[in-house]
C-alpha atoms as a PDB file:
ATOM      1  CA  UNK A   1     133.515  68.278 101.213  1.00  0.00           C
ATOM      2  CA  UNK A   2     131.957  66.973  97.940  1.00  0.00           C
ATOM      3  CA  UNK A   3     128.461  67.170  97.035  1.00  0.00           C
ATOM      4  CA  UNK A   4     126.905  63.875  96.664  1.00  0.00           C
ATOM      5  CA  UNK A   5     123.253  65.143  96.313  1.00  0.00           C
ATOM      6  CA  UNK A   6     122.629  63.063  99.339  1.00  0.00           C
ATOM      7  CA  UNK A   7     122.797  65.727 102.297  1.00  0.00           C
ATOM      8  CA  UNK A   8     119.687  66.227 104.204  1.00  0.00           C
ATOM      9  CA  UNK A   9     118.083  69.498 103.313  1.00  0.00           C
ATOM     10  CA  UNK A  10     117.847  72.368 105.510  1.00  0.00           C
ATOM     11  CA  UNK A  11     114.253  73.244 105.289  1.00  0.00           C
ATOM     12  CA  UNK A  12     114.042  76.689 107.585  1.00  0.00           C
ATOM     13  CA  UNK A  13     116.423  78.360 104.800  1.00  0.00           C
ATOM     14  CA  UNK A  14     115.322  77.244 101.629  1.00  0.00           C
ATOM     15  CA  UNK A  15     111.705  78.328 102.838  1.00  0.00           C
ATOM     16  CA  UNK A  16     113.150  81.342 103.708  1.00  0.00           C
ATOM     17  CA  UNK A  17     114.808  81.704 100.849  1.00  0.00           C
ATOM     18  CA  UNK A  18     111.402  81.076  99.150  1.00  0.00           C
ATOM     19  CA  UNK A  19     109.773  84.055 101.323  1.00  0.00           C
ATOM     20  CA  UNK A  20     112.622  86.777 100.343  1.00  0.00           C
ATOM     21  CA  UNK A  21     112.062  86.264  96.869  1.00  0.00           C
ATOM     22  CA  UNK A  22     110.299  89.606  95.530  1.00  0.00           C
ATOM     23  CA  UNK A  23     109.310  90.946  92.007  1.00  0.00           C
ATOM     24  CA  UNK A  24     109.764  94.536  92.229  1.00  0.00           C
ATOM     25  CA  UNK A  25     106.870  97.582  91.215  1.00  0.00           C
ATOM     26  CA  UNK A  26     108.257  99.565  88.716  1.00  0.00           C
ATOM     27  CA  UNK A  27     108.299 102.859  88.448  1.00  0.00           C
ATOM     28  CA  UNK A  28     105.507 103.054  86.511  1.00  0.00           C
ATOM     29  CA  UNK A  29     103.609 100.727  88.891  1.00  0.00           C
ATOM     30  CA  UNK A  30     104.320 103.267  91.104  1.00  0.00           C
ATOM     31  CA  UNK A  31     104.172 106.254  88.832  1.00  0.00           C
ATOM     32  CA  UNK A  32     100.193 104.751  88.523  1.00  0.00           C
ATOM     33  CA  UNK A  33      99.757 104.598  91.729  1.00  0.00           C
ATOM     34  CA  UNK A  34     100.841 108.153  92.889  1.00  0.00           C
ATOM     35  CA  UNK A  35      98.270 109.549  89.550  1.00  0.00           C
ATOM     36  CA  UNK A  36      94.813 106.998  90.891  1.00  0.00           C
ATOM     37  CA  UNK A  37      95.644 108.114  94.800  1.00  0.00           C
ATOM     38  CA  UNK A  38      95.733 111.612  93.442  1.00  0.00           C
ATOM     39  CA  UNK A  39      92.688 111.506  92.068  1.00  0.00           C
ATOM     40  CA  UNK A  40      90.998 109.679  94.526  1.00  0.00           C
ATOM     41  CA  UNK A  41      92.245 111.927  97.403  1.00  0.00           C
ATOM     42  CA  UNK A  42      91.487 115.260  95.410  1.00  0.00           C
ATOM     43  CA  UNK A  43      87.976 114.231  93.960  1.00  0.00           C
ATOM     44  CA  UNK A  44      86.722 112.261  96.554  1.00  0.00           C
ATOM     45  CA  UNK A  45      88.368 113.282 100.246  1.00  0.00           C
ATOM     46  CA  UNK A  46      89.354 116.720  99.078  1.00  0.00           C
ATOM     47  CA  UNK A  47      86.006 117.674  99.000  1.00  0.00           C
ATOM     48  CA  UNK A  48      84.815 115.770 101.366  1.00  0.00           C
ATOM     49  CA  UNK A  49      86.907 117.155 103.790  1.00  0.00           C
ATOM     50  CA  UNK A  50      86.839 120.985 102.318  1.00  0.00           C
ATOM     51  CA  UNK A  51      82.391 120.515 102.905  1.00  0.00           C
ATOM     52  CA  UNK A  52      82.730 118.736 106.293  1.00  0.00           C
ATOM     53  CA  UNK A  53      84.401 121.640 107.745  1.00  0.00           C
ATOM     54  CA  UNK A  54      82.839 124.858 105.914  1.00  0.00           C
ATOM     55  CA  UNK A  55      79.721 123.117 107.481  1.00  0.00           C
ATOM     56  CA  UNK A  56      80.997 122.513 111.048  1.00  0.00           C
ATOM     57  CA  UNK A  57      82.321 126.603 110.777  1.00  0.00           C
ATOM     58  CA  UNK A  58      79.159 127.184 110.032  1.00  0.00           C
ATOM     59  CA  UNK A  59      77.680 126.202 112.652  1.00  0.00           C
ATOM     60  CA  UNK A  60      79.615 127.413 114.620  1.00  0.00           C
ATOM     61  CA  UNK A  61      80.238 131.615 113.444  1.00  0.00           C
ATOM     62  CA  UNK A  62      78.702 131.275 110.129  1.00  0.00           C
ATOM     63  CA  UNK A  63      80.074 135.179 110.345  1.00  0.00           C
ATOM     64  CA  UNK A  64      83.992 133.418 109.952  1.00  0.00           C
ATOM     65  CA  UNK A  65      82.536 131.687 106.617  1.00  0.00           C
ATOM     66  CA  UNK A  66      81.460 134.687 105.160  1.00  0.00           C
ATOM     67  CA  UNK A  67      84.423 136.770 105.734  1.00  0.00           C
ATOM     68  CA  UNK A  68      86.624 133.888 104.943  1.00  0.00           C
ATOM     69  CA  UNK A  69      85.011 133.699 101.884  1.00  0.00           C
ATOM     70  CA  UNK A  70      84.658 137.007 100.395  1.00  0.00           C
ATOM     71  CA  UNK A  71      87.613 139.238 102.157  1.00  0.00           C
ATOM     72  CA  UNK A  72      89.931 136.354 103.481  1.00  0.00           C
ATOM     73  CA  UNK A  73      92.053 134.854 100.790  1.00  0.00           C
ATOM     74  CA  UNK A  74      95.803 134.256 102.505  1.00  0.00           C
ATOM     75  CA  UNK A  75      93.620 132.222 106.130  1.00  0.00           C
ATOM     76  CA  UNK A  76      91.364 130.801 103.259  1.00  0.00           C
ATOM     77  CA  UNK A  77      94.470 129.452 101.812  1.00  0.00           C
ATOM     78  CA  UNK A  78      96.014 128.431 104.702  1.00  0.00           C
ATOM     79  CA  UNK A  79      93.273 126.012 105.420  1.00  0.00           C
ATOM     80  CA  UNK A  80      92.809 124.250 102.279  1.00  0.00           C
ATOM     81  CA  UNK A  81      96.697 124.196 102.715  1.00  0.00           C
ATOM     82  CA  UNK A  82      96.591 122.583 106.184  1.00  0.00           C
ATOM     83  CA  UNK A  83      93.758 119.854 105.463  1.00  0.00           C
ATOM     84  CA  UNK A  84      94.755 118.448 102.727  1.00  0.00           C
ATOM     85  CA  UNK A  85      98.908 117.999 104.609  1.00  0.00           C
ATOM     86  CA  UNK A  86      95.670 116.106 106.583  1.00  0.00           C
ATOM     87  CA  UNK A  87      93.605 114.607 104.192  1.00  0.00           C
ATOM     88  CA  UNK A  88      97.159 113.381 102.908  1.00  0.00           C
ATOM     89  CA  UNK A  89      98.789 111.942 105.701  1.00  0.00           C
ATOM     90  CA  UNK A  90      95.466 110.264 106.979  1.00  0.00           C
ATOM     91  CA  UNK A  91      94.998 108.734 103.763  1.00  0.00           C
ATOM     92  CA  UNK A  92      97.978 107.260 103.491  1.00  0.00           C
ATOM     93  CA  UNK A  93      98.643 106.140 106.548  1.00  0.00           C
ATOM     94  CA  UNK A  94      95.404 104.479 106.715  1.00  0.00           C
ATOM     95  CA  UNK A  95      94.744 102.796 103.880  1.00  0.00           C
ATOM     96  CA  UNK A  96      98.582 101.218 104.034  1.00  0.00           C
ATOM     97  CA  UNK A  97      98.099 100.430 107.809  1.00  0.00           C
ATOM     98  CA  UNK A  98      94.425  99.015 106.846  1.00  0.00           C
ATOM     99  CA  UNK A  99      94.731  97.237 104.169  1.00  0.00           C
ATOM    100  CA  UNK A 100      98.186  95.302 104.108  1.00  0.00           C
ATOM    101  CA  UNK A 101     100.348  97.854 101.931  1.00  0.00           C
ATOM    102  CA  UNK A 102      98.115  98.571 100.518  1.00  0.00           C
ATOM    103  CA  UNK A 103      96.188 102.015  98.585  1.00  0.00           C
ATOM    104  CA  UNK A 104      93.456 102.464  96.091  1.00  0.00           C
ATOM    105  CA  UNK A 105      95.978 102.758  93.278  1.00  0.00           C
ATOM    106  CA  UNK A 106      97.517 100.242  94.555  1.00  0.00           C
ATOM    107  CA  UNK A 107      94.371  97.438  94.899  1.00  0.00           C
ATOM    108  CA  UNK A 108      94.631  98.462  90.852  1.00  0.00           C
ATOM    109  CA  UNK A 109      98.122  98.030  89.756  1.00  0.00           C
ATOM    110  CA  UNK A 110      98.369  94.880  92.201  1.00  0.00           C
ATOM    111  CA  UNK A 111     101.483  96.238  94.652  1.00  0.00           C
ATOM    112  CA  UNK A 112     102.052  96.719  98.186  1.00  0.00           C
ATOM    113  CA  UNK A 113     104.456  98.255 100.608  1.00  0.00           C
ATOM    114  CA  UNK A 114     106.392  96.147 102.553  1.00  0.00           C
ATOM    115  CA  UNK A 115     109.114  96.898 105.123  1.00  0.00           C
ATOM    116  CA  UNK A 116     112.950  94.878 103.377  1.00  0.00           C
ATOM    117  CA  UNK A 117     112.255  92.142 104.709  1.00  0.00           C
ATOM    118  CA  UNK A 118     108.554  90.926 103.839  1.00  0.00           C
ATOM    119  CA  UNK A 119     106.807  91.902 106.489  1.00  0.00           C
ATOM    120  CA  UNK A 120     104.105  94.092 106.578  1.00  0.00           C
ATOM    121  CA  UNK A 121     104.033  97.856 107.859  1.00  0.00           C
ATOM    122  CA  UNK A 122     103.165  98.466 111.139  1.00  0.00           C
ATOM    123  CA  UNK A 123     101.310 102.568 112.026  1.00  0.00           C
ATOM    124  CA  UNK A 124     104.819 104.136 112.892  1.00  0.00           C
ATOM    125  CA  UNK A 125     105.835 102.486 109.551  1.00  0.00           C
ATOM    126  CA  UNK A 126     102.866 103.968 107.345  1.00  0.00           C
ATOM    127  CA  UNK A 127     103.152 106.973 109.154  1.00  0.00           C
ATOM    128  CA  UNK A 128     107.352 108.439 108.765  1.00  0.00           C
ATOM    129  CA  UNK A 129     106.228 107.072 104.730  1.00  0.00           C
ATOM    130  CA  UNK A 130     103.556 108.770 104.604  1.00  0.00           C
ATOM    131  CA  UNK A 131     105.484 111.657 106.425  1.00  0.00           C
ATOM    132  CA  UNK A 132     107.960 111.486 103.766  1.00  0.00           C
ATOM    133  CA  UNK A 133     105.779 112.088 101.275  1.00  0.00           C
ATOM    134  CA  UNK A 134     105.423 115.547 102.206  1.00  0.00           C
ATOM    135  CA  UNK A 135     109.240 117.032 101.199  1.00  0.00           C
ATOM    136  CA  UNK A 136     109.013 119.110  98.987  1.00  0.00           C
ATOM    137  CA  UNK A 137     111.326 117.602  96.556  1.00  0.00           C
ATOM    138  CA  UNK A 138     110.870 113.745  96.831  1.00  0.00           C
ATOM    139  CA  UNK A 139     108.634 112.898  93.919  1.00  0.00           C
ATOM    140  CA  UNK A 140     112.554 113.620  92.016  1.00  0.00           C
ATOM    141  CA  UNK A 141     113.030 111.000  93.437  1.00  0.00           C
ATOM    142  CA  UNK A 142     111.736 108.889  91.442  1.00  0.00           C
ATOM    143  CA  UNK A 143     114.097 109.007  89.136  1.00  0.00           C
ATOM    144  CA  UNK A 144     115.854 106.692  91.616  1.00  0.00           C
ATOM    145  CA  UNK A 145     114.915 105.113  95.428  1.00  0.00           C
ATOM    146  CA  UNK A 146     111.581 107.021  96.266  1.00  0.00           C
ATOM    147  CA  UNK A 147     112.893 108.920  99.535  1.00  0.00           C
ATOM    148  CA  UNK A 148     109.580 107.250 101.079  1.00  0.00           C
ATOM    149  CA  UNK A 149     111.229 103.801 100.750  1.00  0.00           C
ATOM    150  CA  UNK A 150     114.856 104.523 101.414  1.00  0.00           C
ATOM    151  CA  UNK A 151     114.145 106.780 104.923  1.00  0.00           C
ATOM    152  CA  UNK A 152     111.597 103.991 105.986  1.00  0.00           C
ATOM    153  CA  UNK A 153     112.989 100.886 104.965  1.00  0.00           C
ATOM    154  CA  UNK A 154     110.094  99.737 102.932  1.00  0.00           C
ATOM    155  CA  UNK A 155     109.212  98.719  99.630  1.00  0.00           C
ATOM    156  CA  UNK A 156     106.081  97.977  96.874  1.00  0.00           C
ATOM    157  CA  UNK A 157     106.280  94.819  95.755  1.00  0.00           C
ATOM    158  CA  UNK A 158     103.811  93.387  92.829  1.00  0.00           C
ATOM    159  CA  UNK A 159     101.602  90.623  95.015  1.00  0.00           C
ATOM    160  CA  UNK A 160     100.664  88.841  91.988  1.00  0.00           C
ATOM    161  CA  UNK A 161     102.505  86.877  88.940  1.00  0.00           C
ATOM    162  CA  UNK A 162     101.585  87.815  85.205  1.00  0.00           C
END
């Protein structure tokens, strides 16, 4: 059948096509997101949570805090490691869920994380993305498709057109 241009338009498919057109965030934007978010985590969240934990421990048992600080560096290292992992999971999961796929870095670079179909991240999606980021060599996947995107069927897109 020949197209004469007088056929009715399929409004639903045209609307869907417009919604499915995303501009992916560049590797530079993704790196900047990572850098900003790590600075925020290290210089705000980590200090605040560490201070809070030491304060609570000192209220519960001051000798334990003194012992850990003076002699037991292995315990201090392990405690610090678990606090860092907890902070990392909480930061990314809470930020990406509560702020529609955005973290501080993504706000600054005008990007956000969404599901492959363009819909908003569910709590499960944000948590899985955060857990995947903890895989030891995951940052090296930045030279291709980041594992925390590929394994969770998510992507990072631009929220503004420049």
